[in-house]
Amino acid sequence: MGTRAHGPARPHVATSQDLAADPAGAAATALDRLPAGPLAVHIDAGVLDFTDTPLAEDTGGRNAGPTLGQAEQALILAARDPRARVLSIGELNPTRSAGDPDALPRAADSIARILAVTGRG
């Protein structure tokens, strides 16, 4: 029941700084630590650098967290994993992109590229 000889299994946590510094490495490390079985891939727009991609309700992420491109790199790696079954996107608030009319189309293009690698999208 989720225990090891040394106690309960602890989930791997990749910070937004880890993801920004090495998107593929952070994703690969997280994927390597997951058990066999179906995988739900999730991103919350609130972790993105708000300055790069203003799509979240929380504007406190200015110049913090991964850019959309960095997140896309990690998500493409996760989407290619044969265990991947679903892509979930949270807290995407299009009204926040009023000052950057290209933000929502860039996000949609990124989502399309992620889904394209699954061979199912």
PDB file of N, CA and C in Angstrom:
ATOM      1  N   MET A   1       0.828  -1.189   0.000  1.00  0.00           N
ATOM      2  CA  MET A   1       0.000   0.000   0.000  1.00  0.00           C
ATOM      3  C   MET A   1       0.874   1.254   0.000  1.00  0.00           C
ATOM      4  N   GLY A   2       1.769   1.379  -0.951  1.00  0.00           N
ATOM      5  CA  GLY A   2       2.549   2.588  -1.074  1.00  0.00           C
ATOM      6  C   GLY A   2       3.661   2.726  -0.053  1.00  0.00           C
ATOM      7  N   THR A   3       4.072   1.650   0.569  1.00  0.00           N
ATOM      8  CA  THR A   3       5.153   1.751   1.538  1.00  0.00           C
ATOM      9  C   THR A   3       6.370   1.002   1.035  1.00  0.00           C
ATOM     10  N   ARG A   4       7.495   1.432   1.510  1.00  0.00           N
ATOM     11  CA  ARG A   4       8.755   0.771   1.209  1.00  0.00           C
ATOM     12  C   ARG A   4       9.361   0.327   2.528  1.00  0.00           C
ATOM     13  N   ALA A   5      10.483  -0.331   2.450  1.00  0.00           N
ATOM     14  CA  ALA A   5      11.145  -0.790   3.663  1.00  0.00           C
ATOM     15  C   ALA A   5      11.493   0.371   4.587  1.00  0.00           C
ATOM     16  N   HIS A   6      11.669   1.555   4.023  1.00  0.00           N
ATOM     17  CA  HIS A   6      12.062   2.713   4.816  1.00  0.00           C
ATOM     18  C   HIS A   6      10.903   3.670   5.072  1.00  0.00           C
ATOM     19  N   GLY A   7       9.689   3.239   4.873  1.00  0.00           N
ATOM     20  CA  GLY A   7       8.535   4.085   5.132  1.00  0.00           C
ATOM     21  C   GLY A   7       7.742   4.352   3.872  1.00  0.00           C
ATOM     22  N   PRO A   8       6.762   5.254   3.967  1.00  0.00           N
ATOM     23  CA  PRO A   8       5.891   5.535   2.820  1.00  0.00           C
ATOM     24  C   PRO A   8       6.677   6.102   1.636  1.00  0.00           C
ATOM     25  N   ALA A   9       6.214   5.741   0.450  1.00  0.00           N
ATOM     26  CA  ALA A   9       6.813   6.305  -0.755  1.00  0.00           C
ATOM     27  C   ALA A   9       6.543   7.794  -0.792  1.00  0.00           C
ATOM     28  N   ARG A  10       7.548   8.550  -1.163  1.00  0.00           N
ATOM     29  CA  ARG A  10       7.387  10.006  -1.241  1.00  0.00           C
ATOM     30  C   ARG A  10       7.372  10.405  -2.704  1.00  0.00           C
ATOM     31  N   PRO A  11       6.433  11.238  -3.100  1.00  0.00           N
ATOM     32  CA  PRO A  11       6.384  11.655  -4.505  1.00  0.00           C
ATOM     33  C   PRO A  11       7.555  12.570  -4.840  1.00  0.00           C
ATOM     34  N   HIS A  12       7.946  12.544  -6.082  1.00  0.00           N
ATOM     35  CA  HIS A  12       8.982  13.453  -6.558  1.00  0.00           C
ATOM     36  C   HIS A  12       8.329  14.803  -6.840  1.00  0.00           C
ATOM     37  N   VAL A  13       8.968  15.852  -6.440  1.00  0.00           N
ATOM     38  CA  VAL A  13       8.453  17.197  -6.693  1.00  0.00           C
ATOM     39  C   VAL A  13       9.483  17.948  -7.519  1.00  0.00           C
ATOM     40  N   ALA A  14       9.072  18.398  -8.686  1.00  0.00           N
ATOM     41  CA  ALA A  14       9.903  19.269  -9.513  1.00  0.00           C
ATOM     42  C   ALA A  14       9.340  20.674  -9.363  1.00  0.00           C
ATOM     43  N   THR A  15      10.174  21.598  -8.949  1.00  0.00           N
ATOM     44  CA  THR A  15       9.718  22.975  -8.767  1.00  0.00           C
ATOM     45  C   THR A  15       9.611  23.669 -10.118  1.00  0.00           C
ATOM     46  N   SER A  16       8.945  24.801 -10.130  1.00  0.00           N
ATOM     47  CA  SER A  16       8.851  25.568 -11.373  1.00  0.00           C
ATOM     48  C   SER A  16      10.236  26.043 -11.802  1.00  0.00           C
ATOM     49  N   GLN A  17      11.129  26.269 -10.833  1.00  0.00           N
ATOM     50  CA  GLN A  17      12.508  26.654 -11.163  1.00  0.00           C
ATOM     51  C   GLN A  17      13.247  25.488 -11.830  1.00  0.00           C
ATOM     52  N   ASP A  18      13.009  24.250 -11.345  1.00  0.00           N
ATOM     53  CA  ASP A  18      13.595  23.069 -11.979  1.00  0.00           C
ATOM     54  C   ASP A  18      13.117  22.955 -13.421  1.00  0.00           C
ATOM     55  N   LEU A  19      11.840  23.168 -13.607  1.00  0.00           N
ATOM     56  CA  LEU A  19      11.244  23.055 -14.931  1.00  0.00           C
ATOM     57  C   LEU A  19      11.799  24.115 -15.873  1.00  0.00           C
ATOM     58  N   ALA A  20      11.980  25.335 -15.372  1.00  0.00           N
ATOM     59  CA  ALA A  20      12.524  26.411 -16.203  1.00  0.00           C
ATOM     60  C   ALA A  20      13.990  26.160 -16.550  1.00  0.00           C
ATOM     61  N   ALA A  21      14.754  25.627 -15.594  1.00  0.00           N
ATOM     62  CA  ALA A  21      16.183  25.415 -15.815  1.00  0.00           C
ATOM     63  C   ALA A  21      16.464  24.265 -16.772  1.00  0.00           C
ATOM     64  N   ASP A  22      15.672  23.202 -16.693  1.00  0.00           N
ATOM     65  CA  ASP A  22      15.902  22.008 -17.511  1.00  0.00           C
ATOM     66  C   ASP A  22      14.573  21.303 -17.759  1.00  0.00           C
ATOM     67  N   PRO A  23      13.772  21.821 -18.696  1.00  0.00           N
ATOM     68  CA  PRO A  23      12.438  21.249 -18.917  1.00  0.00           C
ATOM     69  C   PRO A  23      12.449  19.749 -19.189  1.00  0.00           C
ATOM     70  N   ALA A  24      13.293  19.304 -20.089  1.00  0.00           N
ATOM     71  CA  ALA A  24      13.320  17.881 -20.434  1.00  0.00           C
ATOM     72  C   ALA A  24      13.834  17.053 -19.255  1.00  0.00           C
ATOM     73  N   GLY A  25      14.839  17.540 -18.573  1.00  0.00           N
ATOM     74  CA  GLY A  25      15.390  16.813 -17.434  1.00  0.00           C
ATOM     75  C   GLY A  25      14.401  16.688 -16.292  1.00  0.00           C
ATOM     76  N   ALA A  26      13.698  17.773 -15.994  1.00  0.00           N
ATOM     77  CA  ALA A  26      12.698  17.744 -14.917  1.00  0.00           C
ATOM     78  C   ALA A  26      11.572  16.774 -15.256  1.00  0.00           C
ATOM     79  N   ALA A  27      11.128  16.800 -16.511  1.00  0.00           N
ATOM     80  CA  ALA A  27      10.053  15.890 -16.924  1.00  0.00           C
ATOM     81  C   ALA A  27      10.529  14.442 -16.912  1.00  0.00           C
ATOM     82  N   ALA A  28      11.734  14.200 -17.415  1.00  0.00           N
ATOM     83  CA  ALA A  28      12.254  12.832 -17.455  1.00  0.00           C
ATOM     84  C   ALA A  28      12.418  12.262 -16.047  1.00  0.00           C
ATOM     85  N   THR A  29      12.913  13.075 -15.125  1.00  0.00           N
ATOM     86  CA  THR A  29      13.080  12.618 -13.745  1.00  0.00           C
ATOM     87  C   THR A  29      11.735  12.273 -13.131  1.00  0.00           C
ATOM     88  N   ALA A  30      10.747  13.129 -13.341  1.00  0.00           N
ATOM     89  CA  ALA A  30       9.416  12.868 -12.788  1.00  0.00           C
ATOM     90  C   ALA A  30       8.808  11.609 -13.403  1.00  0.00           C
ATOM     91  N   LEU A  31       8.924  11.456 -14.713  1.00  0.00           N
ATOM     92  CA  LEU A  31       8.361  10.279 -15.392  1.00  0.00           C
ATOM     93  C   LEU A  31       9.043   8.993 -14.933  1.00  0.00           C
ATOM     94  N   ASP A  32      10.339   9.053 -14.725  1.00  0.00           N
ATOM     95  CA  ASP A  32      11.079   7.864 -14.301  1.00  0.00           C
ATOM     96  C   ASP A  32      10.656   7.376 -12.920  1.00  0.00           C
ATOM     97  N   ARG A  33      10.118   8.267 -12.120  1.00  0.00           N
ATOM     98  CA  ARG A  33       9.748   7.890 -10.755  1.00  0.00           C
ATOM     99  C   ARG A  33       8.300   7.422 -10.628  1.00  0.00           C
ATOM    100  N   LEU A  34       7.564   7.483 -11.721  1.00  0.00           N
ATOM    101  CA  LEU A  34       6.167   7.072 -11.675  1.00  0.00           C
ATOM    102  C   LEU A  34       6.034   5.577 -11.941  1.00  0.00           C
ATOM    103  N   PRO A  35       5.050   4.943 -11.313  1.00  0.00           N
ATOM    104  CA  PRO A  35       4.838   3.509 -11.552  1.00  0.00           C
ATOM    105  C   PRO A  35       4.197   3.271 -12.919  1.00  0.00           C
ATOM    106  N   ALA A  36       4.183   2.024 -13.313  1.00  0.00           N
ATOM    107  CA  ALA A  36       3.490   1.644 -14.547  1.00  0.00           C
ATOM    108  C   ALA A  36       2.006   1.939 -14.376  1.00  0.00           C
ATOM    109  N   GLY A  37       1.341   2.192 -15.472  1.00  0.00           N
ATOM    110  CA  GLY A  37      -0.096   2.447 -15.419  1.00  0.00           C
ATOM    111  C   GLY A  37      -0.432   3.750 -16.107  1.00  0.00           C
ATOM    112  N   PRO A  38      -1.711   4.039 -16.253  1.00  0.00           N
ATOM    113  CA  PRO A  38      -2.146   5.244 -16.953  1.00  0.00           C
ATOM    114  C   PRO A  38      -1.596   6.509 -16.303  1.00  0.00           C
ATOM    115  N   LEU A  39      -1.323   7.489 -17.136  1.00  0.00           N
ATOM    116  CA  LEU A  39      -0.724   8.743 -16.692  1.00  0.00           C
ATOM    117  C   LEU A  39      -1.584   9.914 -17.138  1.00  0.00           C
ATOM    118  N   ALA A  40      -1.949  10.758 -16.201  1.00  0.00           N
ATOM    119  CA  ALA A  40      -2.624  12.019 -16.503  1.00  0.00           C
ATOM    120  C   ALA A  40      -1.571  13.117 -16.443  1.00  0.00           C
ATOM    121  N   VAL A  41      -1.445  13.879 -17.501  1.00  0.00           N
ATOM    122  CA  VAL A  41      -0.485  14.978 -17.573  1.00  0.00           C
ATOM    123  C   VAL A  41      -1.257  16.268 -17.314  1.00  0.00           C
ATOM    124  N   HIS A  42      -0.780  17.068 -16.355  1.00  0.00           N
ATOM    125  CA  HIS A  42      -1.492  18.287 -15.978  1.00  0.00           C
ATOM    126  C   HIS A  42      -0.543  19.467 -15.928  1.00  0.00           C
ATOM    127  N   ILE A  43      -1.034  20.613 -16.375  1.00  0.00           N
ATOM    128  CA  ILE A  43      -0.333  21.887 -16.194  1.00  0.00           C
ATOM    129  C   ILE A  43      -1.358  22.919 -15.765  1.00  0.00           C
ATOM    130  N   ASP A  44      -0.943  23.728 -14.851  1.00  0.00           N
ATOM    131  CA  ASP A  44      -1.768  24.846 -14.394  1.00  0.00           C
ATOM    132  C   ASP A  44      -1.133  26.111 -14.946  1.00  0.00           C
ATOM    133  N   ALA A  45      -1.893  26.920 -15.645  1.00  0.00           N
ATOM    134  CA  ALA A  45      -1.350  28.140 -16.249  1.00  0.00           C
ATOM    135  C   ALA A  45      -0.710  29.050 -15.208  1.00  0.00           C
ATOM    136  N   GLY A  46      -1.092  28.903 -13.959  1.00  0.00           N
ATOM    137  CA  GLY A  46      -0.536  29.728 -12.899  1.00  0.00           C
ATOM    138  C   GLY A  46       0.936  29.494 -12.626  1.00  0.00           C
ATOM    139  N   VAL A  47       1.504  28.374 -13.083  1.00  0.00           N
ATOM    140  CA  VAL A  47       2.933  28.140 -12.864  1.00  0.00           C
ATOM    141  C   VAL A  47       3.789  28.809 -13.927  1.00  0.00           C
ATOM    142  N   LEU A  48       3.171  29.209 -15.046  1.00  0.00           N
ATOM    143  CA  LEU A  48       3.928  29.832 -16.132  1.00  0.00           C
ATOM    144  C   LEU A  48       4.377  31.232 -15.756  1.00  0.00           C
ATOM    145  N   ASP A  49       5.463  31.660 -16.378  1.00  0.00           N
ATOM    146  CA  ASP A  49       5.940  33.035 -16.217  1.00  0.00           C
ATOM    147  C   ASP A  49       4.866  33.962 -16.798  1.00  0.00           C
ATOM    148  N   PHE A  50       4.201  34.717 -15.930  1.00  0.00           N
ATOM    149  CA  PHE A  50       3.103  35.578 -16.353  1.00  0.00           C
ATOM    150  C   PHE A  50       3.569  36.621 -17.360  1.00  0.00           C
ATOM    151  N   THR A  51       4.817  37.066 -17.261  1.00  0.00           N
ATOM    152  CA  THR A  51       5.342  38.056 -18.198  1.00  0.00           C
ATOM    153  C   THR A  51       5.427  37.469 -19.605  1.00  0.00           C
ATOM    154  N   ASP A  52       5.783  36.186 -19.694  1.00  0.00           N
ATOM    155  CA  ASP A  52       5.882  35.513 -20.984  1.00  0.00           C
ATOM    156  C   ASP A  52       4.505  35.158 -21.534  1.00  0.00           C
ATOM    157  N   THR A  53       3.646  34.640 -20.688  1.00  0.00           N
ATOM    158  CA  THR A  53       2.340  34.134 -21.117  1.00  0.00           C
ATOM    159  C   THR A  53       1.284  34.494 -20.077  1.00  0.00           C
ATOM    160  N   PRO A  54       0.670  35.657 -20.212  1.00  0.00           N
ATOM    161  CA  PRO A  54      -0.328  36.103 -19.223  1.00  0.00           C
ATOM    162  C   PRO A  54      -1.678  35.409 -19.411  1.00  0.00           C
ATOM    163  N   LEU A  55      -1.818  34.237 -18.783  1.00  0.00           N
ATOM    164  CA  LEU A  55      -3.050  33.468 -18.942  1.00  0.00           C
ATOM    165  C   LEU A  55      -3.663  33.039 -17.620  1.00  0.00           C
ATOM    166  N   ALA A  56      -3.075  33.435 -16.497  1.00  0.00           N
ATOM    167  CA  ALA A  56      -3.553  32.959 -15.205  1.00  0.00           C
ATOM    168  C   ALA A  56      -4.159  34.096 -14.393  1.00  0.00           C
ATOM    169  N   GLU A  57      -5.034  33.709 -13.495  1.00  0.00           N
ATOM    170  CA  GLU A  57      -5.652  34.669 -12.581  1.00  0.00           C
ATOM    171  C   GLU A  57      -4.601  35.309 -11.681  1.00  0.00           C
ATOM    172  N   ASP A  58      -3.654  34.505 -11.211  1.00  0.00           N
ATOM    173  CA  ASP A  58      -2.613  34.992 -10.320  1.00  0.00           C
ATOM    174  C   ASP A  58      -1.523  35.668 -11.131  1.00  0.00           C
ATOM    175  N   THR A  59      -1.337  36.954 -10.917  1.00  0.00           N
ATOM    176  CA  THR A  59      -0.315  37.700 -11.656  1.00  0.00           C
ATOM    177  C   THR A  59       1.008  37.748 -10.897  1.00  0.00           C
ATOM    178  N   GLY A  60       1.117  37.026  -9.784  1.00  0.00           N
ATOM    179  CA  GLY A  60       2.334  37.040  -8.984  1.00  0.00           C
ATOM    180  C   GLY A  60       3.480  36.277  -9.612  1.00  0.00           C
ATOM    181  N   GLY A  61       3.239  35.585 -10.702  1.00  0.00           N
ATOM    182  CA  GLY A  61       4.280  34.789 -11.339  1.00  0.00           C
ATOM    183  C   GLY A  61       5.088  35.544 -12.366  1.00  0.00           C
ATOM    184  N   ARG A  62       5.182  36.842 -12.229  1.00  0.00           N
ATOM    185  CA  ARG A  62       5.961  37.626 -13.190  1.00  0.00           C
ATOM    186  C   ARG A  62       7.436  37.282 -13.059  1.00  0.00           C
ATOM    187  N   ASN A  63       8.027  36.931 -14.203  1.00  0.00           N
ATOM    188  CA  ASN A  63       9.446  36.561 -14.263  1.00  0.00           C
ATOM    189  C   ASN A  63       9.782  35.397 -13.337  1.00  0.00           C
ATOM    190  N   ALA A  64       8.811  34.554 -13.092  1.00  0.00           N
ATOM    191  CA  ALA A  64       9.030  33.360 -12.261  1.00  0.00           C
ATOM    192  C   ALA A  64       8.403  32.177 -12.981  1.00  0.00           C
ATOM    193  N   GLY A  65       8.986  31.029 -12.798  1.00  0.00           N
ATOM    194  CA  GLY A  65       8.441  29.833 -13.423  1.00  0.00           C
ATOM    195  C   GLY A  65       8.864  29.711 -14.867  1.00  0.00           C
ATOM    196  N   PRO A  66       8.467  28.623 -15.493  1.00  0.00           N
ATOM    197  CA  PRO A  66       8.865  28.367 -16.876  1.00  0.00           C
ATOM    198  C   PRO A  66       8.087  29.234 -17.858  1.00  0.00           C
ATOM    199  N   THR A  67       8.701  29.469 -18.996  1.00  0.00           N
ATOM    200  CA  THR A  67       7.997  30.114 -20.097  1.00  0.00           C
ATOM    201  C   THR A  67       7.071  29.075 -20.729  1.00  0.00           C
ATOM    202  N   LEU A  68       6.206  29.520 -21.600  1.00  0.00           N
ATOM    203  CA  LEU A  68       5.337  28.588 -22.317  1.00  0.00           C
ATOM    204  C   LEU A  68       6.177  27.589 -23.105  1.00  0.00           C
ATOM    205  N   GLY A  69       7.233  28.055 -23.746  1.00  0.00           N
ATOM    206  CA  GLY A  69       8.100  27.163 -24.522  1.00  0.00           C
ATOM    207  C   GLY A  69       8.781  26.111 -23.660  1.00  0.00           C
ATOM    208  N   GLN A  70       9.226  26.507 -22.467  1.00  0.00           N
ATOM    209  CA  GLN A  70       9.862  25.547 -21.560  1.00  0.00           C
ATOM    210  C   GLN A  70       8.853  24.513 -21.066  1.00  0.00           C
ATOM    211  N   ALA A  71       7.672  24.974 -20.713  1.00  0.00           N
ATOM    212  CA  ALA A  71       6.626  24.044 -20.276  1.00  0.00           C
ATOM    213  C   ALA A  71       6.253  23.094 -21.416  1.00  0.00           C
ATOM    214  N   GLU A  72       6.186  23.619 -22.625  1.00  0.00           N
ATOM    215  CA  GLU A  72       5.851  22.779 -23.786  1.00  0.00           C
ATOM    216  C   GLU A  72       6.874  21.664 -23.961  1.00  0.00           C
ATOM    217  N   GLN A  73       8.153  21.971 -23.801  1.00  0.00           N
ATOM    218  CA  GLN A  73       9.190  20.942 -23.927  1.00  0.00           C
ATOM    219  C   GLN A  73       8.931  19.788 -22.958  1.00  0.00           C
ATOM    220  N   ALA A  74       8.643  20.136 -21.711  1.00  0.00           N
ATOM    221  CA  ALA A  74       8.396  19.110 -20.692  1.00  0.00           C
ATOM    222  C   ALA A  74       7.114  18.336 -20.989  1.00  0.00           C
ATOM    223  N   LEU A  75       6.080  19.046 -21.400  1.00  0.00           N
ATOM    224  CA  LEU A  75       4.798  18.396 -21.662  1.00  0.00           C
ATOM    225  C   LEU A  75       4.858  17.495 -22.897  1.00  0.00           C
ATOM    226  N   ILE A  76       5.644  17.876 -23.877  1.00  0.00           N
ATOM    227  CA  ILE A  76       5.813  17.004 -25.054  1.00  0.00           C
ATOM    228  C   ILE A  76       6.470  15.698 -24.635  1.00  0.00           C
ATOM    229  N   LEU A  77       7.477  15.787 -23.795  1.00  0.00           N
ATOM    230  CA  LEU A  77       8.126  14.570 -23.307  1.00  0.00           C
ATOM    231  C   LEU A  77       7.124  13.699 -22.550  1.00  0.00           C
ATOM    232  N   ALA A  78       6.324  14.313 -21.697  1.00  0.00           N
ATOM    233  CA  ALA A  78       5.318  13.555 -20.943  1.00  0.00           C
ATOM    234  C   ALA A  78       4.252  12.972 -21.872  1.00  0.00           C
ATOM    235  N   ALA A  79       3.837  13.746 -22.866  1.00  0.00           N
ATOM    236  CA  ALA A  79       2.795  13.279 -23.784  1.00  0.00           C
ATOM    237  C   ALA A  79       3.273  12.113 -24.651  1.00  0.00           C
ATOM    238  N   ARG A  80       4.565  12.045 -24.888  1.00  0.00           N
ATOM    239  CA  ARG A  80       5.128  10.927 -25.669  1.00  0.00           C
ATOM    240  C   ARG A  80       5.188   9.632 -24.866  1.00  0.00           C
ATOM    241  N   ASP A  81       5.101   9.745 -23.557  1.00  0.00           N
ATOM    242  CA  ASP A  81       5.176   8.565 -22.703  1.00  0.00           C
ATOM    243  C   ASP A  81       3.999   7.654 -23.035  1.00  0.00           C
ATOM    244  N   PRO A  82       4.231   6.374 -23.250  1.00  0.00           N
ATOM    245  CA  PRO A  82       3.138   5.472 -23.625  1.00  0.00           C
ATOM    246  C   PRO A  82       2.060   5.343 -22.546  1.00  0.00           C
ATOM    247  N   ARG A  83       2.349   5.745 -21.326  1.00  0.00           N
ATOM    248  CA  ARG A  83       1.345   5.694 -20.256  1.00  0.00           C
ATOM    249  C   ARG A  83       0.373   6.869 -20.314  1.00  0.00           C
ATOM    250  N   ALA A  84       0.726   7.932 -21.040  1.00  0.00           N
ATOM    251  CA  ALA A  84      -0.086   9.156 -21.077  1.00  0.00           C
ATOM    252  C   ALA A  84      -1.469   8.878 -21.665  1.00  0.00           C
ATOM    253  N   ARG A  85      -2.488   9.347 -20.979  1.00  0.00           N
ATOM    254  CA  ARG A  85      -3.867   9.145 -21.424  1.00  0.00           C
ATOM    255  C   ARG A  85      -4.641  10.447 -21.575  1.00  0.00           C
ATOM    256  N   VAL A  86      -4.261  11.475 -20.825  1.00  0.00           N
ATOM    257  CA  VAL A  86      -5.041  12.705 -20.832  1.00  0.00           C
ATOM    258  C   VAL A  86      -4.124  13.898 -20.562  1.00  0.00           C
ATOM    259  N   LEU A  87      -4.457  15.027 -21.158  1.00  0.00           N
ATOM    260  CA  LEU A  87      -3.785  16.294 -20.875  1.00  0.00           C
ATOM    261  C   LEU A  87      -4.809  17.207 -20.231  1.00  0.00           C
ATOM    262  N   SER A  88      -4.501  17.662 -19.048  1.00  0.00           N
ATOM    263  CA  SER A  88      -5.385  18.539 -18.292  1.00  0.00           C
ATOM    264  C   SER A  88      -4.715  19.905 -18.147  1.00  0.00           C
ATOM    265  N   ILE A  89      -5.479  20.962 -18.376  1.00  0.00           N
ATOM    266  CA  ILE A  89      -4.951  22.324 -18.268  1.00  0.00           C
ATOM    267  C   ILE A  89      -5.831  23.090 -17.302  1.00  0.00           C
ATOM    268  N   GLY A  90      -5.226  23.630 -16.274  1.00  0.00           N
ATOM    269  CA  GLY A  90      -5.989  24.349 -15.255  1.00  0.00           C
ATOM    270  C   GLY A  90      -5.696  25.840 -15.236  1.00  0.00           C
ATOM    271  N   GLU A  91      -6.646  26.554 -14.761  1.00  0.00           N
ATOM    272  CA  GLU A  91      -6.604  27.987 -14.492  1.00  0.00           C
ATOM    273  C   GLU A  91      -6.217  28.837 -15.690  1.00  0.00           C
ATOM    274  N   LEU A  92      -6.574  28.444 -16.860  1.00  0.00           N
ATOM    275  CA  LEU A  92      -6.325  29.281 -18.022  1.00  0.00           C
ATOM    276  C   LEU A  92      -7.435  30.327 -18.082  1.00  0.00           C
ATOM    277  N   ASN A  93      -7.054  31.582 -17.920  1.00  0.00           N
ATOM    278  CA  ASN A  93      -8.010  32.682 -17.871  1.00  0.00           C
ATOM    279  C   ASN A  93      -7.726  33.640 -19.022  1.00  0.00           C
ATOM    280  N   PRO A  94      -8.444  33.512 -20.138  1.00  0.00           N
ATOM    281  CA  PRO A  94      -8.165  34.322 -21.326  1.00  0.00           C
ATOM    282  C   PRO A  94      -8.289  35.828 -21.105  1.00  0.00           C
ATOM    283  N   THR A  95      -9.052  36.250 -20.111  1.00  0.00           N
ATOM    284  CA  THR A  95      -9.187  37.699 -19.890  1.00  0.00           C
ATOM    285  C   THR A  95      -7.869  38.318 -19.439  1.00  0.00           C
ATOM    286  N   ARG A  96      -6.977  37.525 -18.882  1.00  0.00           N
ATOM    287  CA  ARG A  96      -5.675  38.038 -18.427  1.00  0.00           C
ATOM    288  C   ARG A  96      -4.748  38.370 -19.580  1.00  0.00           C
ATOM    289  N   SER A  97      -5.040  37.869 -20.765  1.00  0.00           N
ATOM    290  CA  SER A  97      -4.152  38.097 -21.906  1.00  0.00           C
ATOM    291  C   SER A  97      -4.552  39.317 -22.733  1.00  0.00           C
ATOM    292  N   ALA A  98      -5.445  40.145 -22.218  1.00  0.00           N
ATOM    293  CA  ALA A  98      -5.914  41.310 -22.974  1.00  0.00           C
ATOM    294  C   ALA A  98      -4.758  42.196 -23.437  1.00  0.00           C
ATOM    295  N   GLY A  99      -3.721  42.311 -22.635  1.00  0.00           N
ATOM    296  CA  GLY A  99      -2.569  43.137 -23.012  1.00  0.00           C
ATOM    297  C   GLY A  99      -1.600  42.437 -23.941  1.00  0.00           C
ATOM    298  N   ASP A 100      -1.789  41.157 -24.173  1.00  0.00           N
ATOM    299  CA  ASP A 100      -0.924  40.367 -25.043  1.00  0.00           C
ATOM    300  C   ASP A 100      -1.813  39.494 -25.928  1.00  0.00           C
ATOM    301  N   PRO A 101      -2.339  40.074 -27.010  1.00  0.00           N
ATOM    302  CA  PRO A 101      -3.296  39.336 -27.840  1.00  0.00           C
ATOM    303  C   PRO A 101      -2.734  38.069 -28.477  1.00  0.00           C
ATOM    304  N   ASP A 102      -1.422  37.895 -28.484  1.00  0.00           N
ATOM    305  CA  ASP A 102      -0.830  36.675 -29.051  1.00  0.00           C
ATOM    306  C   ASP A 102      -0.727  35.551 -28.033  1.00  0.00           C
ATOM    307  N   ALA A 103      -0.955  35.831 -26.750  1.00  0.00           N
ATOM    308  CA  ALA A 103      -0.758  34.824 -25.698  1.00  0.00           C
ATOM    309  C   ALA A 103      -1.681  33.624 -25.872  1.00  0.00           C
ATOM    310  N   LEU A 104      -2.955  33.853 -26.073  1.00  0.00           N
ATOM    311  CA  LEU A 104      -3.894  32.736 -26.199  1.00  0.00           C
ATOM    312  C   LEU A 104      -3.640  31.924 -27.472  1.00  0.00           C
ATOM    313  N   PRO A 105      -3.429  32.556 -28.634  1.00  0.00           N
ATOM    314  CA  PRO A 105      -3.092  31.754 -29.824  1.00  0.00           C
ATOM    315  C   PRO A 105      -1.782  30.975 -29.658  1.00  0.00           C
ATOM    316  N   ARG A 106      -0.782  31.568 -28.988  1.00  0.00           N
ATOM    317  CA  ARG A 106       0.469  30.838 -28.741  1.00  0.00           C
ATOM    318  C   ARG A 106       0.209  29.620 -27.863  1.00  0.00           C
ATOM    319  N   ALA A 107      -0.631  29.796 -26.845  1.00  0.00           N
ATOM    320  CA  ALA A 107      -0.967  28.673 -25.956  1.00  0.00           C
ATOM    321  C   ALA A 107      -1.717  27.587 -26.728  1.00  0.00           C
ATOM    322  N   ALA A 108      -2.647  27.982 -27.569  1.00  0.00           N
ATOM    323  CA  ALA A 108      -3.402  27.004 -28.363  1.00  0.00           C
ATOM    324  C   ALA A 108      -2.478  26.249 -29.315  1.00  0.00           C
ATOM    325  N   ASP A 109      -1.537  26.950 -29.935  1.00  0.00           N
ATOM    326  CA  ASP A 109      -0.573  26.291 -30.823  1.00  0.00           C
ATOM    327  C   ASP A 109       0.296  25.314 -30.035  1.00  0.00           C
ATOM    328  N   SER A 110       0.701  25.717 -28.845  1.00  0.00           N
ATOM    329  CA  SER A 110       1.508  24.847 -27.991  1.00  0.00           C
ATOM    330  C   SER A 110       0.735  23.585 -27.621  1.00  0.00           C
ATOM    331  N   ILE A 111      -0.521  23.743 -27.245  1.00  0.00           N
ATOM    332  CA  ILE A 111      -1.367  22.600 -26.895  1.00  0.00           C
ATOM    333  C   ILE A 111      -1.506  21.660 -28.102  1.00  0.00           C
ATOM    334  N   ALA A 112      -1.675  22.228 -29.280  1.00  0.00           N
ATOM    335  CA  ALA A 112      -1.799  21.409 -30.493  1.00  0.00           C
ATOM    336  C   ALA A 112      -0.524  20.608 -30.737  1.00  0.00           C
ATOM    337  N   ARG A 113       0.643  21.237 -30.534  1.00  0.00           N
ATOM    338  CA  ARG A 113       1.908  20.517 -30.732  1.00  0.00           C
ATOM    339  C   ARG A 113       2.068  19.394 -29.706  1.00  0.00           C
ATOM    340  N   ILE A 114       1.647  19.651 -28.472  1.00  0.00           N
ATOM    341  CA  ILE A 114       1.735  18.620 -27.434  1.00  0.00           C
ATOM    342  C   ILE A 114       0.843  17.438 -27.803  1.00  0.00           C
ATOM    343  N   LEU A 115      -0.407  17.715 -28.175  1.00  0.00           N
ATOM    344  CA  LEU A 115      -1.327  16.637 -28.521  1.00  0.00           C
ATOM    345  C   LEU A 115      -0.876  15.882 -29.771  1.00  0.00           C
ATOM    346  N   ALA A 116      -0.207  16.569 -30.677  1.00  0.00           N
ATOM    347  CA  ALA A 116       0.227  15.932 -31.928  1.00  0.00           C
ATOM    348  C   ALA A 116       1.228  14.808 -31.687  1.00  0.00           C
ATOM    349  N   VAL A 117       2.039  14.904 -30.641  1.00  0.00           N
ATOM    350  CA  VAL A 117       3.047  13.878 -30.417  1.00  0.00           C
ATOM    351  C   VAL A 117       2.482  12.594 -29.832  1.00  0.00           C
ATOM    352  N   THR A 118       1.256  12.641 -29.381  1.00  0.00           N
ATOM    353  CA  THR A 118       0.668  11.444 -28.787  1.00  0.00           C
ATOM    354  C   THR A 118       0.284  10.430 -29.840  1.00  0.00           C
ATOM    355  N   GLY A 119       0.109  10.879 -31.074  1.00  0.00           N
ATOM    356  CA  GLY A 119      -0.363   9.974 -32.111  1.00  0.00           C
ATOM    357  C   GLY A 119      -1.832   9.684 -31.990  1.00  0.00           C
ATOM    358  N   ARG A 120      -2.447  10.283 -30.952  1.00  0.00           N
ATOM    359  CA  ARG A 120      -3.878  10.079 -30.706  1.00  0.00           C
ATOM    360  C   ARG A 120      -4.627  11.397 -30.839  1.00  0.00           C
ATOM    361  N   GLY A 121      -3.919  12.515 -31.015  1.00  0.00           N
ATOM    362  CA  GLY A 121      -4.594  13.805 -31.011  1.00  0.00           C
ATOM    363  C   GLY A 121      -4.542  14.423 -32.314  1.00  0.00           C
TER     364      GLY A 121
END
